[in-house]
Amino acid sequence: MTLYDIPLRTLTGEPTSLADYRGRAVLLVNVASKCGLTPQYAGLERLQNAYGDRGFTVLGVPCNQFAGQEPGSAEEIRTFCSTTYGVSFPLLEKTDVNGEERHPLYAELTALADEDGEAGDVQWNFEKFLISPSGEPVARLRPRTEPEDPELIAAIESQLPA
């Protein structure tokens, strides 16, 4: 099984999977609307605008596991993201990234080590996983890494399809 085979749902409940993004670099980010890191939405949207035409997609995954910082309904999340940050990138349904109810996608992704060699649970909102155009996880950046951090930009640029 690959990451492409794991069933997902969009924020509106439609079935999807990472296979829909085959051939694109994907930055998967667990997001929250009421977090001190929520302003990262603006940087994520700038990444989407800068690289979207070059085979890149940000994919937001709302998660309410960290201090209840994503309590809203799907509609509330969509409205907040679009009106507050102009988010145009796709959002998935609210998902558990840790614990017994961890989504199978995150069961796979959390095996990837970060730059310090640490794998395991997602630490907080806005943890980032870069997935190659062939569907392989290639980089993990912790929550405080800003979307426009040079390390993340370099990683994204290295994965853009030719």
Protein backbone atom coordinates (compact mmCIF):
# COMPACT_ATOMS: atom_id res chain seq x y z
CA MET A 1 0.00 0.00 0.00
CA THR A 2 1.19 3.55 -0.79
CA LEU A 3 0.07 6.94 0.46
CA TYR A 4 -1.97 7.17 -2.75
CA ASP A 5 -4.12 4.21 -1.65
CA ILE A 6 -5.26 5.70 1.67
CA PRO A 7 -8.86 6.97 1.47
CA LEU A 8 -9.40 10.57 2.52
CA ARG A 9 -12.34 12.98 2.57
CA THR A 10 -12.47 16.61 1.61
CA LEU A 11 -13.73 19.20 4.07
CA THR A 12 -17.13 18.91 2.37
CA GLY A 13 -17.14 15.12 2.85
CA GLU A 14 -16.33 14.06 -0.70
CA PRO A 15 -14.09 11.01 -1.13
CA THR A 16 -10.54 11.78 -2.28
CA SER A 17 -7.00 10.51 -1.86
CA LEU A 18 -3.48 11.69 -2.45
CA ALA A 19 -3.71 9.92 -5.82
CA ASP A 20 -5.62 13.04 -6.94
CA TYR A 21 -2.29 14.88 -6.53
CA ARG A 22 -0.10 12.30 -8.28
CA GLY A 23 2.68 14.11 -10.13
CA ARG A 24 2.54 17.13 -7.80
CA ALA A 25 4.62 17.96 -4.75
CA VAL A 26 2.25 18.19 -1.76
CA LEU A 27 2.78 19.98 1.54
CA LEU A 28 0.42 18.34 4.00
CA VAL A 29 -0.18 20.50 7.09
CA ASN A 30 -2.40 19.85 10.11
CA VAL A 31 -4.11 23.19 10.67
CA ALA A 32 -6.20 24.90 13.34
CA SER A 33 -8.17 28.15 13.45
CA LYS A 34 -7.58 29.16 17.08
CA CYS A 35 -3.85 28.55 17.51
CA GLY A 36 -0.99 30.97 18.03
CA LEU A 37 0.45 29.52 14.81
CA THR A 38 -2.76 30.12 12.81
CA PRO A 39 -1.20 33.12 10.99
CA GLN A 40 0.87 30.51 9.12
CA TYR A 41 -2.21 30.14 6.90
CA ALA A 42 -1.09 33.36 5.17
CA GLY A 43 2.34 31.93 4.36
CA LEU A 44 0.83 28.64 3.22
CA GLU A 45 -1.44 30.55 0.85
CA ARG A 46 1.56 32.49 -0.49
CA LEU A 47 3.33 29.15 -1.13
CA GLN A 48 0.26 27.89 -2.97
CA ASN A 49 0.18 31.04 -5.10
CA ALA A 50 3.92 30.98 -5.79
CA TYR A 51 4.24 27.30 -6.70
CA GLY A 52 0.76 26.08 -7.58
CA ASP A 53 1.32 26.55 -11.31
CA ARG A 54 4.59 24.64 -11.05
CA GLY A 55 3.15 21.34 -9.77
CA PHE A 56 2.74 22.04 -6.05
CA THR A 57 -0.23 21.90 -3.70
CA VAL A 58 -0.69 22.78 -0.05
CA LEU A 59 -3.20 20.39 1.54
CA GLY A 60 -4.64 21.48 4.90
CA VAL A 61 -5.83 18.93 7.44
CA PRO A 62 -7.89 20.48 10.25
CA CYS A 63 -7.21 18.83 13.59
CA ASN A 64 -8.77 19.48 17.00
CA GLN A 65 -6.36 17.34 19.06
CA PHE A 66 -4.18 20.17 20.36
CA ALA A 67 -5.89 22.14 23.13
CA GLY A 68 -9.20 22.07 21.21
CA GLN A 69 -7.92 24.73 18.80
CA GLU A 70 -10.04 23.59 15.83
CA PRO A 71 -13.53 23.22 17.35
CA GLY A 72 -15.52 24.42 14.34
CA SER A 73 -17.74 22.58 11.91
CA ALA A 74 -16.59 22.01 8.35
CA GLU A 75 -18.51 25.09 7.22
CA GLU A 76 -17.06 27.24 10.03
CA ILE A 77 -13.53 26.09 9.13
CA ARG A 78 -14.07 26.80 5.42
CA THR A 79 -15.53 30.24 6.11
CA PHE A 80 -12.76 31.16 8.55
CA CYS A 81 -10.00 30.07 6.15
CA SER A 82 -11.43 31.81 3.12
CA THR A 83 -12.51 35.07 4.76
CA THR A 84 -9.59 35.51 7.19
CA TYR A 85 -6.68 34.23 5.09
CA GLY A 86 -8.05 33.91 1.55
CA VAL A 87 -7.19 30.21 1.56
CA SER A 88 -7.57 28.69 -1.89
CA PHE A 89 -5.74 25.42 -1.29
CA PRO A 90 -7.73 22.24 -0.58
CA LEU A 91 -8.75 21.27 2.94
CA LEU A 92 -9.53 17.77 4.16
CA GLU A 93 -12.05 16.81 6.82
CA LYS A 94 -11.13 17.23 10.47
CA THR A 95 -8.72 14.41 11.27
CA ASP A 96 -6.92 12.84 14.25
CA VAL A 97 -3.16 12.89 13.67
CA ASN A 98 -2.15 11.15 16.93
CA GLY A 99 -3.51 8.54 19.32
CA GLU A 100 -5.70 5.49 18.93
CA GLU A 101 -7.91 7.18 16.32
CA ARG A 102 -4.92 8.42 14.28
CA HIS A 103 -5.81 8.50 10.59
CA PRO A 104 -3.97 5.84 8.53
CA LEU A 105 -2.31 8.61 6.51
CA TYR A 106 -0.72 9.99 9.66
CA ALA A 107 0.20 6.49 10.83
CA GLU A 108 2.43 6.39 7.74
CA LEU A 109 3.65 9.99 7.85
CA THR A 110 4.68 9.99 11.53
CA ALA A 111 7.21 7.23 10.78
CA LEU A 112 9.20 9.88 8.89
CA ALA A 113 11.93 11.52 10.96
CA ASP A 114 12.42 15.28 11.06
CA GLU A 115 15.74 17.05 10.47
CA ASP A 116 16.88 16.04 13.97
CA GLY A 117 16.17 12.36 13.29
CA GLU A 118 13.03 12.27 15.44
CA ALA A 119 9.95 10.43 14.23
CA GLY A 120 6.70 9.78 16.13
CA ASP A 121 3.69 11.84 17.09
CA VAL A 122 2.84 15.16 15.53
CA GLN A 123 3.94 17.77 18.08
CA TRP A 124 1.35 20.50 17.53
CA ASN A 125 -0.74 22.31 14.92
CA PHE A 126 1.00 23.27 11.66
CA GLU A 127 3.44 20.36 11.47
CA LYS A 128 4.40 19.95 7.81
CA PHE A 129 5.05 16.88 5.67
CA LEU A 130 6.38 17.28 2.13
CA ILE A 131 5.34 14.51 -0.24
CA SER A 132 7.15 13.99 -3.55
CA PRO A 133 5.35 13.91 -6.91
CA SER A 134 5.72 10.10 -6.77
CA GLY A 135 3.89 9.95 -3.42
CA GLU A 136 6.84 9.46 -1.06
CA PRO A 137 7.19 11.48 2.16
CA VAL A 138 10.50 13.33 1.79
CA ALA A 139 10.62 15.96 4.55
CA ARG A 140 9.06 16.67 7.92
CA LEU A 141 9.15 20.13 9.42
CA ARG A 142 7.95 20.87 12.90
CA PRO A 143 5.20 23.40 13.70
CA ARG A 144 7.37 26.46 14.35
CA THR A 145 8.97 26.22 10.90
CA GLU A 146 7.33 29.08 9.04
CA PRO A 147 5.92 28.30 5.58
CA GLU A 148 8.42 30.64 3.92
CA ASP A 149 11.44 29.37 5.86
CA PRO A 150 14.39 28.96 3.44
CA GLU A 151 14.75 25.28 4.42
CA LEU A 152 11.13 24.57 3.49
CA ILE A 153 11.34 26.62 0.28
CA ALA A 154 14.46 24.66 -0.77
CA ALA A 155 12.74 21.35 -0.01
CA ILE A 156 9.66 22.35 -2.03
CA GLU A 157 11.75 23.55 -4.96
CA SER A 158 13.70 20.28 -4.96
CA GLN A 159 10.43 18.36 -5.38
CA LEU A 160 8.76 20.42 -8.09
CA PRO A 161 8.12 18.30 -11.18
CA ALA A 162 10.46 18.98 -14.08
